[in-house]
N, C-alpha and C. Protein backbone atom coordinates (compact mmCIF):
# COMPACT_ATOMS: atom_id res chain seq x y z
N MET A 1 -173.28 -56.50 -2.64
CA MET A 1 -173.16 -56.02 -1.26
C MET A 1 -173.90 -54.69 -1.13
N GLU A 2 -174.67 -54.59 -0.05
CA GLU A 2 -175.42 -53.37 0.25
C GLU A 2 -174.45 -52.26 0.67
N ARG A 3 -174.67 -51.06 0.16
CA ARG A 3 -173.85 -49.91 0.55
C ARG A 3 -174.06 -49.60 2.02
N ALA A 4 -173.04 -49.07 2.64
CA ALA A 4 -173.13 -48.60 4.03
C ALA A 4 -172.65 -47.15 4.06
N ILE A 5 -173.61 -46.26 4.28
CA ILE A 5 -173.32 -44.84 4.37
C ILE A 5 -173.53 -44.41 5.81
N LEU A 6 -172.55 -43.74 6.39
CA LEU A 6 -172.69 -43.16 7.71
C LEU A 6 -172.86 -41.65 7.56
N HIS A 7 -173.65 -41.07 8.44
CA HIS A 7 -173.69 -39.62 8.57
C HIS A 7 -173.32 -39.30 10.00
N SER A 8 -172.22 -38.60 10.17
CA SER A 8 -171.74 -38.24 11.50
C SER A 8 -171.97 -36.75 11.72
N ASP A 9 -172.57 -36.44 12.86
CA ASP A 9 -172.92 -35.06 13.20
C ASP A 9 -172.42 -34.78 14.62
N ALA A 10 -171.50 -33.84 14.75
CA ALA A 10 -170.97 -33.46 16.07
C ALA A 10 -172.07 -32.72 16.83
N ASN A 11 -172.35 -33.17 18.04
CA ASN A 11 -173.44 -32.63 18.85
C ASN A 11 -173.09 -31.26 19.42
N CYS A 12 -173.95 -30.26 19.12
CA CYS A 12 -173.75 -28.88 19.62
C CYS A 12 -172.28 -28.49 19.47
N PHE A 13 -171.78 -28.63 18.28
CA PHE A 13 -170.34 -28.60 18.00
C PHE A 13 -169.60 -27.43 18.63
N TYR A 14 -169.95 -26.21 18.29
CA TYR A 14 -169.20 -25.06 18.81
C TYR A 14 -169.29 -25.00 20.34
N ALA A 15 -170.48 -25.22 20.87
CA ALA A 15 -170.66 -25.18 22.33
C ALA A 15 -169.87 -26.30 23.01
N SER A 16 -169.85 -27.48 22.39
CA SER A 16 -169.10 -28.60 22.96
C SER A 16 -167.61 -28.31 23.02
N VAL A 17 -167.09 -27.70 21.97
CA VAL A 17 -165.67 -27.34 21.95
C VAL A 17 -165.39 -26.27 23.01
N GLU A 18 -166.27 -25.29 23.11
CA GLU A 18 -166.08 -24.23 24.11
C GLU A 18 -166.07 -24.80 25.53
N MET A 19 -166.92 -25.79 25.80
CA MET A 19 -166.96 -26.36 27.14
C MET A 19 -165.69 -27.14 27.47
N LEU A 20 -164.99 -27.64 26.46
CA LEU A 20 -163.70 -28.28 26.70
C LEU A 20 -162.68 -27.27 27.22
N TYR A 21 -162.74 -26.06 26.69
CA TYR A 21 -161.79 -25.02 27.07
C TYR A 21 -162.26 -24.20 28.27
N HIS A 22 -163.53 -24.33 28.59
CA HIS A 22 -164.11 -23.62 29.74
C HIS A 22 -164.95 -24.60 30.56
N PRO A 23 -164.31 -25.46 31.34
CA PRO A 23 -165.08 -26.45 32.12
C PRO A 23 -166.05 -25.81 33.11
N GLU A 24 -165.84 -24.54 33.43
CA GLU A 24 -166.76 -23.86 34.34
C GLU A 24 -168.15 -23.68 33.71
N TYR A 25 -168.27 -23.85 32.38
CA TYR A 25 -169.56 -23.73 31.70
C TYR A 25 -170.34 -25.05 31.66
N VAL A 26 -169.68 -26.16 32.00
CA VAL A 26 -170.35 -27.45 31.97
C VAL A 26 -171.49 -27.44 32.99
N GLY A 27 -172.66 -27.89 32.57
CA GLY A 27 -173.82 -27.91 33.44
C GLY A 27 -174.59 -26.60 33.46
N LYS A 28 -174.16 -25.64 32.65
CA LYS A 28 -174.84 -24.34 32.58
C LYS A 28 -175.30 -24.10 31.14
N PRO A 29 -176.35 -23.28 30.96
CA PRO A 29 -176.79 -22.98 29.60
C PRO A 29 -175.76 -22.10 28.89
N LEU A 30 -175.35 -22.54 27.71
CA LEU A 30 -174.28 -21.86 26.96
C LEU A 30 -174.69 -21.70 25.51
N ALA A 31 -174.40 -20.54 24.96
CA ALA A 31 -174.62 -20.28 23.53
C ALA A 31 -173.39 -19.62 22.95
N VAL A 32 -173.08 -19.99 21.74
CA VAL A 32 -172.01 -19.35 20.99
C VAL A 32 -172.69 -18.43 19.99
N GLY A 33 -172.29 -17.16 19.98
CA GLY A 33 -172.94 -16.23 19.08
C GLY A 33 -172.31 -14.87 19.10
N GLY A 34 -173.04 -13.90 18.57
CA GLY A 34 -172.56 -12.53 18.38
C GLY A 34 -172.03 -11.86 19.64
N ASP A 35 -172.14 -10.56 19.69
CA ASP A 35 -171.59 -9.75 20.78
C ASP A 35 -172.70 -9.41 21.77
N SER A 36 -172.68 -10.08 22.92
CA SER A 36 -173.76 -9.87 23.91
C SER A 36 -173.68 -8.48 24.55
N GLU A 37 -172.49 -7.90 24.64
CA GLU A 37 -172.36 -6.56 25.21
C GLU A 37 -173.01 -5.51 24.30
N ALA A 38 -172.80 -5.66 23.01
CA ALA A 38 -173.39 -4.73 22.05
C ALA A 38 -174.84 -5.11 21.72
N ARG A 39 -175.28 -6.24 22.26
CA ARG A 39 -176.63 -6.75 22.08
C ARG A 39 -177.00 -6.92 20.61
N HIS A 40 -176.05 -7.48 19.84
CA HIS A 40 -176.40 -7.79 18.46
C HIS A 40 -175.81 -9.14 18.07
N GLY A 41 -176.39 -9.71 17.06
CA GLY A 41 -175.94 -11.00 16.58
C GLY A 41 -176.97 -12.08 16.87
N ILE A 42 -176.61 -13.30 16.46
CA ILE A 42 -177.51 -14.43 16.64
C ILE A 42 -176.79 -15.58 17.32
N VAL A 43 -177.58 -16.53 17.78
CA VAL A 43 -177.06 -17.76 18.36
C VAL A 43 -176.60 -18.66 17.21
N LEU A 44 -175.33 -19.02 17.21
CA LEU A 44 -174.81 -19.95 16.20
C LEU A 44 -175.07 -21.39 16.62
N THR A 45 -174.94 -21.64 17.89
CA THR A 45 -175.29 -22.94 18.47
C THR A 45 -175.45 -22.76 19.97
N ALA A 46 -176.12 -23.72 20.57
CA ALA A 46 -176.32 -23.71 22.02
C ALA A 46 -176.16 -25.14 22.52
N ASN A 47 -175.80 -25.27 23.79
CA ASN A 47 -175.72 -26.62 24.35
C ASN A 47 -177.14 -27.12 24.66
N TYR A 48 -177.24 -28.39 25.04
CA TYR A 48 -178.56 -28.99 25.25
C TYR A 48 -179.31 -28.37 26.43
N ILE A 49 -178.61 -27.89 27.42
CA ILE A 49 -179.27 -27.24 28.56
C ILE A 49 -179.99 -25.99 28.06
N ALA A 50 -179.31 -25.19 27.25
CA ALA A 50 -179.92 -23.97 26.70
C ALA A 50 -181.06 -24.34 25.75
N LYS A 51 -180.88 -25.37 24.95
CA LYS A 51 -181.93 -25.77 24.00
C LYS A 51 -183.20 -26.20 24.73
N ARG A 52 -183.03 -26.91 25.85
CA ARG A 52 -184.21 -27.32 26.63
C ARG A 52 -184.96 -26.11 27.19
N SER A 53 -184.28 -24.98 27.33
CA SER A 53 -184.93 -23.76 27.82
C SER A 53 -185.56 -22.95 26.69
N GLY A 54 -185.41 -23.42 25.46
CA GLY A 54 -186.03 -22.73 24.32
C GLY A 54 -185.08 -21.96 23.42
N VAL A 55 -183.78 -22.01 23.70
CA VAL A 55 -182.80 -21.32 22.86
C VAL A 55 -182.64 -22.11 21.56
N LYS A 56 -182.70 -21.38 20.43
CA LYS A 56 -182.61 -22.03 19.13
C LYS A 56 -181.52 -21.37 18.28
N THR A 57 -180.92 -22.16 17.42
CA THR A 57 -179.95 -21.63 16.47
C THR A 57 -180.65 -20.59 15.60
N GLY A 58 -179.97 -19.45 15.37
CA GLY A 58 -180.52 -18.39 14.55
C GLY A 58 -181.32 -17.36 15.33
N MET A 59 -181.59 -17.62 16.59
CA MET A 59 -182.34 -16.70 17.44
C MET A 59 -181.48 -15.48 17.76
N ALA A 60 -182.08 -14.31 17.80
CA ALA A 60 -181.36 -13.11 18.22
C ALA A 60 -180.89 -13.29 19.67
N LEU A 61 -179.73 -12.74 19.99
CA LEU A 61 -179.20 -12.89 21.35
C LEU A 61 -180.17 -12.39 22.41
N TRP A 62 -180.81 -11.27 22.16
CA TRP A 62 -181.72 -10.72 23.15
C TRP A 62 -182.93 -11.64 23.36
N GLN A 63 -183.38 -12.29 22.28
CA GLN A 63 -184.49 -13.24 22.42
C GLN A 63 -184.06 -14.47 23.22
N ALA A 64 -182.86 -14.93 22.94
CA ALA A 64 -182.33 -16.09 23.66
C ALA A 64 -182.24 -15.79 25.16
N LYS A 65 -181.81 -14.59 25.48
CA LYS A 65 -181.69 -14.20 26.89
C LYS A 65 -183.07 -14.11 27.55
N GLN A 66 -184.09 -13.75 26.78
CA GLN A 66 -185.45 -13.69 27.32
C GLN A 66 -185.96 -15.08 27.69
N VAL A 67 -185.70 -16.07 26.83
CA VAL A 67 -186.21 -17.42 27.12
C VAL A 67 -185.32 -18.17 28.12
N CYS A 68 -184.07 -17.71 28.25
CA CYS A 68 -183.13 -18.37 29.17
C CYS A 68 -182.27 -17.31 29.85
N PRO A 69 -182.79 -16.69 30.92
CA PRO A 69 -182.08 -15.57 31.57
C PRO A 69 -180.67 -15.90 32.05
N ASP A 70 -180.39 -17.16 32.39
CA ASP A 70 -179.06 -17.53 32.88
C ASP A 70 -178.08 -17.89 31.76
N LEU A 71 -178.49 -17.67 30.53
CA LEU A 71 -177.68 -18.06 29.37
C LEU A 71 -176.34 -17.34 29.37
N ILE A 72 -175.30 -18.10 29.15
CA ILE A 72 -173.94 -17.57 29.04
C ILE A 72 -173.60 -17.50 27.55
N PHE A 73 -173.14 -16.36 27.09
CA PHE A 73 -172.73 -16.19 25.70
C PHE A 73 -171.21 -16.20 25.60
N VAL A 74 -170.70 -16.86 24.58
CA VAL A 74 -169.28 -16.78 24.27
C VAL A 74 -169.15 -16.44 22.79
N PRO A 75 -168.15 -15.65 22.44
CA PRO A 75 -167.97 -15.31 21.03
C PRO A 75 -167.42 -16.51 20.26
N PRO A 76 -167.75 -16.60 18.99
CA PRO A 76 -167.25 -17.73 18.19
C PRO A 76 -165.75 -17.65 17.96
N ARG A 77 -165.13 -18.83 17.90
CA ARG A 77 -163.69 -18.92 17.60
C ARG A 77 -163.53 -19.93 16.46
N MET A 78 -163.78 -19.44 15.25
CA MET A 78 -163.81 -20.33 14.09
C MET A 78 -162.49 -21.07 13.88
N ASP A 79 -161.38 -20.45 14.20
CA ASP A 79 -160.10 -21.14 14.02
C ASP A 79 -160.05 -22.41 14.87
N LEU A 80 -160.58 -22.35 16.07
CA LEU A 80 -160.61 -23.50 16.97
C LEU A 80 -161.58 -24.57 16.44
N TYR A 81 -162.75 -24.15 15.98
CA TYR A 81 -163.73 -25.11 15.47
C TYR A 81 -163.21 -25.79 14.21
N LEU A 82 -162.52 -25.04 13.37
CA LEU A 82 -161.96 -25.64 12.15
C LEU A 82 -160.85 -26.63 12.48
N LYS A 83 -160.11 -26.36 13.54
CA LYS A 83 -159.08 -27.31 14.00
C LYS A 83 -159.74 -28.62 14.43
N PHE A 84 -160.83 -28.53 15.19
CA PHE A 84 -161.54 -29.72 15.62
C PHE A 84 -162.18 -30.43 14.42
N SER A 85 -162.68 -29.66 13.48
CA SER A 85 -163.25 -30.23 12.27
C SER A 85 -162.21 -31.05 11.52
N SER A 86 -161.02 -30.51 11.43
CA SER A 86 -159.91 -31.22 10.78
C SER A 86 -159.57 -32.51 11.52
N MET A 87 -159.59 -32.47 12.84
CA MET A 87 -159.31 -33.67 13.63
C MET A 87 -160.41 -34.72 13.44
N LEU A 88 -161.66 -34.28 13.34
CA LEU A 88 -162.75 -35.21 13.05
C LEU A 88 -162.51 -35.91 11.71
N ARG A 89 -162.16 -35.12 10.70
CA ARG A 89 -161.95 -35.69 9.36
C ARG A 89 -160.75 -36.63 9.32
N GLU A 90 -159.76 -36.36 10.16
CA GLU A 90 -158.62 -37.29 10.25
C GLU A 90 -159.09 -38.65 10.74
N ILE A 91 -159.94 -38.64 11.75
CA ILE A 91 -160.49 -39.90 12.27
C ILE A 91 -161.29 -40.59 11.16
N TYR A 92 -162.17 -39.85 10.49
CA TYR A 92 -162.98 -40.45 9.43
C TYR A 92 -162.11 -41.06 8.33
N SER A 93 -161.02 -40.38 8.01
CA SER A 93 -160.17 -40.84 6.90
C SER A 93 -159.48 -42.17 7.21
N GLU A 94 -159.48 -42.58 8.47
CA GLU A 94 -158.91 -43.89 8.80
C GLU A 94 -159.87 -45.03 8.49
N TYR A 95 -161.10 -44.70 8.11
CA TYR A 95 -162.11 -45.71 7.81
C TYR A 95 -162.51 -45.73 6.34
N THR A 96 -162.33 -44.60 5.67
CA THR A 96 -162.67 -44.52 4.25
C THR A 96 -162.04 -43.28 3.64
N ASN A 97 -161.80 -43.35 2.33
CA ASN A 97 -161.36 -42.14 1.63
C ASN A 97 -162.55 -41.46 0.96
N GLN A 98 -163.74 -42.00 1.19
CA GLN A 98 -164.96 -41.42 0.62
C GLN A 98 -165.72 -40.65 1.71
N VAL A 99 -165.20 -39.47 2.02
CA VAL A 99 -165.79 -38.60 3.04
C VAL A 99 -166.33 -37.36 2.35
N GLU A 100 -167.58 -37.05 2.60
CA GLU A 100 -168.20 -35.86 2.02
C GLU A 100 -168.60 -34.92 3.16
N PRO A 101 -167.78 -33.90 3.42
CA PRO A 101 -168.09 -32.97 4.51
C PRO A 101 -169.35 -32.16 4.20
N TYR A 102 -170.07 -31.83 5.24
CA TYR A 102 -171.23 -30.95 5.14
C TYR A 102 -171.08 -29.96 6.29
N GLY A 103 -170.53 -28.79 5.99
CA GLY A 103 -170.18 -27.85 7.03
C GLY A 103 -168.96 -28.37 7.79
N CYS A 104 -168.69 -27.79 8.92
CA CYS A 104 -167.50 -28.22 9.65
C CYS A 104 -167.80 -29.27 10.71
N ASP A 105 -169.09 -29.59 10.93
CA ASP A 105 -169.41 -30.54 12.00
C ASP A 105 -170.15 -31.78 11.52
N GLU A 106 -170.38 -31.92 10.23
CA GLU A 106 -171.10 -33.07 9.70
C GLU A 106 -170.36 -33.64 8.49
N ALA A 107 -170.55 -34.94 8.27
CA ALA A 107 -169.96 -35.57 7.09
C ALA A 107 -170.66 -36.89 6.81
N TRP A 108 -170.74 -37.22 5.52
CA TRP A 108 -171.16 -38.56 5.12
C TRP A 108 -169.91 -39.36 4.84
N LEU A 109 -169.94 -40.63 5.20
CA LEU A 109 -168.82 -41.54 4.96
C LEU A 109 -169.38 -42.79 4.28
N ASP A 110 -168.87 -43.10 3.11
CA ASP A 110 -169.23 -44.36 2.46
C ASP A 110 -168.19 -45.37 2.92
N VAL A 111 -168.61 -46.28 3.80
CA VAL A 111 -167.68 -47.25 4.40
C VAL A 111 -167.84 -48.66 3.80
N THR A 112 -168.56 -48.75 2.70
CA THR A 112 -168.83 -50.05 2.07
C THR A 112 -167.56 -50.83 1.80
N ASP A 113 -166.56 -50.18 1.27
CA ASP A 113 -165.32 -50.88 0.91
C ASP A 113 -164.42 -51.15 2.12
N SER A 114 -164.84 -50.75 3.30
CA SER A 114 -164.03 -50.94 4.51
C SER A 114 -164.43 -52.16 5.31
N PHE A 115 -165.49 -52.84 4.91
CA PHE A 115 -166.01 -53.97 5.69
C PHE A 115 -164.96 -55.03 5.98
N SER A 116 -164.19 -55.39 4.97
CA SER A 116 -163.24 -56.50 5.16
C SER A 116 -162.14 -56.15 6.16
N LEU A 117 -161.82 -54.88 6.29
CA LEU A 117 -160.77 -54.46 7.22
C LEU A 117 -161.31 -53.98 8.57
N LYS A 118 -162.45 -53.29 8.54
CA LYS A 118 -162.92 -52.59 9.74
C LYS A 118 -164.23 -53.14 10.31
N GLY A 119 -164.92 -54.02 9.60
CA GLY A 119 -166.21 -54.52 10.07
C GLY A 119 -167.34 -53.80 9.37
N ASP A 120 -168.58 -54.15 9.75
CA ASP A 120 -169.75 -53.57 9.08
C ASP A 120 -169.99 -52.12 9.52
N GLY A 121 -171.02 -51.50 8.95
CA GLY A 121 -171.30 -50.10 9.23
C GLY A 121 -171.51 -49.80 10.71
N ARG A 122 -172.23 -50.68 11.41
CA ARG A 122 -172.48 -50.45 12.84
C ARG A 122 -171.18 -50.50 13.62
N LYS A 123 -170.35 -51.48 13.34
CA LYS A 123 -169.08 -51.60 14.07
C LYS A 123 -168.21 -50.36 13.83
N ILE A 124 -168.17 -49.91 12.59
CA ILE A 124 -167.38 -48.71 12.27
C ILE A 124 -167.96 -47.49 12.98
N ALA A 125 -169.28 -47.34 12.96
CA ALA A 125 -169.93 -46.20 13.63
C ALA A 125 -169.63 -46.21 15.13
N GLU A 126 -169.72 -47.38 15.74
CA GLU A 126 -169.44 -47.48 17.18
C GLU A 126 -167.99 -47.12 17.49
N GLU A 127 -167.07 -47.56 16.63
CA GLU A 127 -165.66 -47.25 16.84
C GLU A 127 -165.39 -45.75 16.66
N ILE A 128 -165.97 -45.15 15.64
CA ILE A 128 -165.80 -43.71 15.42
C ILE A 128 -166.37 -42.94 16.61
N ASN A 129 -167.55 -43.34 17.06
CA ASN A 129 -168.19 -42.69 18.20
C ASN A 129 -167.29 -42.72 19.43
N ARG A 130 -166.74 -43.90 19.73
CA ARG A 130 -165.84 -44.05 20.89
C ARG A 130 -164.57 -43.20 20.74
N ARG A 131 -163.99 -43.26 19.56
CA ARG A 131 -162.73 -42.52 19.34
C ARG A 131 -162.92 -41.01 19.45
N VAL A 132 -163.99 -40.49 18.88
CA VAL A 132 -164.23 -39.05 18.95
C VAL A 132 -164.36 -38.61 20.40
N LYS A 133 -165.10 -39.40 21.19
CA LYS A 133 -165.26 -39.10 22.62
C LYS A 133 -163.91 -39.11 23.33
N LYS A 134 -163.15 -40.16 23.10
CA LYS A 134 -161.88 -40.34 23.80
C LYS A 134 -160.80 -39.36 23.33
N GLU A 135 -160.67 -39.21 22.02
CA GLU A 135 -159.57 -38.41 21.47
C GLU A 135 -159.87 -36.91 21.40
N LEU A 136 -161.14 -36.54 21.17
CA LEU A 136 -161.46 -35.13 21.01
C LEU A 136 -162.27 -34.56 22.18
N GLY A 137 -162.91 -35.42 22.97
CA GLY A 137 -163.67 -34.95 24.12
C GLY A 137 -165.06 -34.42 23.79
N ILE A 138 -165.54 -34.66 22.58
CA ILE A 138 -166.89 -34.25 22.19
C ILE A 138 -167.65 -35.51 21.75
N THR A 139 -168.93 -35.35 21.45
CA THR A 139 -169.71 -36.50 21.01
C THR A 139 -170.24 -36.28 19.60
N VAL A 140 -170.51 -37.40 18.93
CA VAL A 140 -171.15 -37.38 17.62
C VAL A 140 -172.34 -38.32 17.65
N SER A 141 -173.35 -37.96 16.88
CA SER A 141 -174.46 -38.86 16.63
C SER A 141 -174.27 -39.37 15.20
N ILE A 142 -174.49 -40.67 15.00
CA ILE A 142 -174.20 -41.27 13.70
C ILE A 142 -175.42 -42.05 13.21
N GLY A 143 -175.75 -41.80 11.97
CA GLY A 143 -176.79 -42.56 11.29
C GLY A 143 -176.14 -43.50 10.30
N ILE A 144 -176.74 -44.68 10.14
CA ILE A 144 -176.22 -45.70 9.23
C ILE A 144 -177.36 -46.11 8.31
N SER A 145 -177.11 -46.14 7.01
CA SER A 145 -178.11 -46.63 6.08
C SER A 145 -177.46 -46.94 4.74
N TRP A 146 -178.28 -47.31 3.78
CA TRP A 146 -177.77 -47.60 2.44
C TRP A 146 -177.80 -46.36 1.56
N ASN A 147 -178.37 -45.23 2.08
CA ASN A 147 -178.36 -43.99 1.31
C ASN A 147 -178.13 -42.80 2.23
N LYS A 148 -177.76 -41.68 1.64
CA LYS A 148 -177.40 -40.50 2.41
C LYS A 148 -178.58 -39.90 3.17
N ILE A 149 -179.75 -39.92 2.58
CA ILE A 149 -180.92 -39.30 3.22
C ILE A 149 -181.26 -40.02 4.51
N PHE A 150 -181.33 -41.35 4.47
CA PHE A 150 -181.68 -42.11 5.67
C PHE A 150 -180.53 -42.07 6.69
N ALA A 151 -179.29 -41.99 6.21
CA ALA A 151 -178.17 -41.87 7.15
C ALA A 151 -178.25 -40.54 7.90
N LYS A 152 -178.57 -39.46 7.20
CA LYS A 152 -178.73 -38.14 7.84
C LYS A 152 -179.89 -38.19 8.83
N LEU A 153 -180.99 -38.79 8.44
CA LEU A 153 -182.12 -38.92 9.34
C LEU A 153 -181.73 -39.73 10.59
N GLY A 154 -180.90 -40.74 10.40
CA GLY A 154 -180.43 -41.55 11.51
C GLY A 154 -179.59 -40.77 12.50
N SER A 155 -178.76 -39.86 12.01
CA SER A 155 -177.92 -39.08 12.94
C SER A 155 -178.76 -38.10 13.75
N ASP A 156 -179.92 -37.71 13.22
CA ASP A 156 -180.82 -36.82 13.94
C ASP A 156 -181.78 -37.57 14.87
N TYR A 157 -181.90 -38.85 14.69
CA TYR A 157 -182.93 -39.66 15.36
C TYR A 157 -182.70 -39.78 16.87
N LYS A 158 -181.45 -40.00 17.27
CA LYS A 158 -181.11 -40.14 18.70
C LYS A 158 -179.97 -39.19 19.03
N LYS A 159 -180.29 -38.06 19.60
CA LYS A 159 -179.26 -37.09 19.98
C LYS A 159 -179.37 -36.86 21.47
N PRO A 160 -178.31 -36.54 22.11
CA PRO A 160 -176.93 -36.57 21.63
C PRO A 160 -176.33 -37.96 21.75
N ASP A 161 -175.22 -38.15 21.06
CA ASP A 161 -174.38 -39.32 21.25
C ASP A 161 -175.09 -40.63 20.93
N GLY A 162 -175.91 -40.63 19.88
CA GLY A 162 -176.63 -41.85 19.52
C GLY A 162 -176.17 -42.43 18.20
N ILE A 163 -176.48 -43.70 18.02
CA ILE A 163 -176.21 -44.38 16.75
C ILE A 163 -177.52 -45.04 16.34
N THR A 164 -177.99 -44.73 15.13
CA THR A 164 -179.23 -45.30 14.63
C THR A 164 -178.98 -45.88 13.24
N GLU A 165 -179.47 -47.09 13.06
CA GLU A 165 -179.35 -47.74 11.75
C GLU A 165 -180.72 -47.93 11.14
N PHE A 166 -180.88 -47.39 9.93
CA PHE A 166 -182.07 -47.65 9.12
C PHE A 166 -181.65 -48.60 8.01
N ASN A 167 -182.16 -49.83 8.10
CA ASN A 167 -181.83 -50.82 7.07
C ASN A 167 -183.10 -51.23 6.34
N ARG A 168 -182.95 -52.14 5.40
CA ARG A 168 -184.09 -52.54 4.55
C ARG A 168 -185.20 -53.23 5.35
N THR A 169 -184.87 -53.78 6.50
CA THR A 169 -185.91 -54.47 7.28
C THR A 169 -186.62 -53.57 8.29
N ASN A 170 -185.99 -52.48 8.73
CA ASN A 170 -186.62 -51.67 9.77
C ASN A 170 -187.04 -50.27 9.33
N TYR A 171 -186.65 -49.82 8.15
CA TYR A 171 -186.87 -48.42 7.82
C TYR A 171 -188.36 -48.05 7.74
N ARG A 172 -189.20 -48.93 7.20
CA ARG A 172 -190.63 -48.59 7.12
C ARG A 172 -191.23 -48.44 8.52
N GLU A 173 -190.90 -49.38 9.38
CA GLU A 173 -191.43 -49.38 10.74
C GLU A 173 -190.99 -48.12 11.51
N LEU A 174 -189.74 -47.68 11.32
CA LEU A 174 -189.22 -46.54 12.09
C LEU A 174 -189.48 -45.19 11.40
N ILE A 175 -189.24 -45.13 10.12
CA ILE A 175 -189.30 -43.82 9.43
C ILE A 175 -190.73 -43.41 9.10
N TRP A 176 -191.58 -44.34 8.74
CA TRP A 176 -192.93 -43.98 8.34
C TRP A 176 -193.68 -43.31 9.50
N LYS A 177 -193.30 -43.59 10.74
CA LYS A 177 -193.95 -42.97 11.89
C LYS A 177 -193.59 -41.49 12.05
N LEU A 178 -192.50 -41.09 11.47
CA LEU A 178 -191.99 -39.73 11.71
C LEU A 178 -192.82 -38.66 11.00
């Protein structure tokens, strides 16, 4: 049996969590980062509206404000993000005990041994995607493949909220173009 590895990546994780607690920020450019009043620090993450304006992770706050004058800054709340990270992992643990976290917003899941109970990798990915949206109010992009590298590439392939499968029949056609 071919292995099925998922890579799940929460989209704009910190910003997505902040927008749940501050619905007034939905539809506006938002970045989570240092202290905007003291004008120091960096962007830890930004929502897709801010990213489309040129805001990048790691950018100095003053630079981010230059490329996106309407950018709203919020200070990071790691305790809240870690709570959401824990809730994500609880969902993952219902599909496999082989979860390898990568930071607080990404994880690889080997779901090979779950096929008989939960269905194939795509079915599991679709169910996880739906549950995260419904139960946590954020989105994840998920890659599916027989190895971790292609699964990670799959989670980056269609963002936000996408599911991409690289299998033995399509990987050359899709990946070689990149």
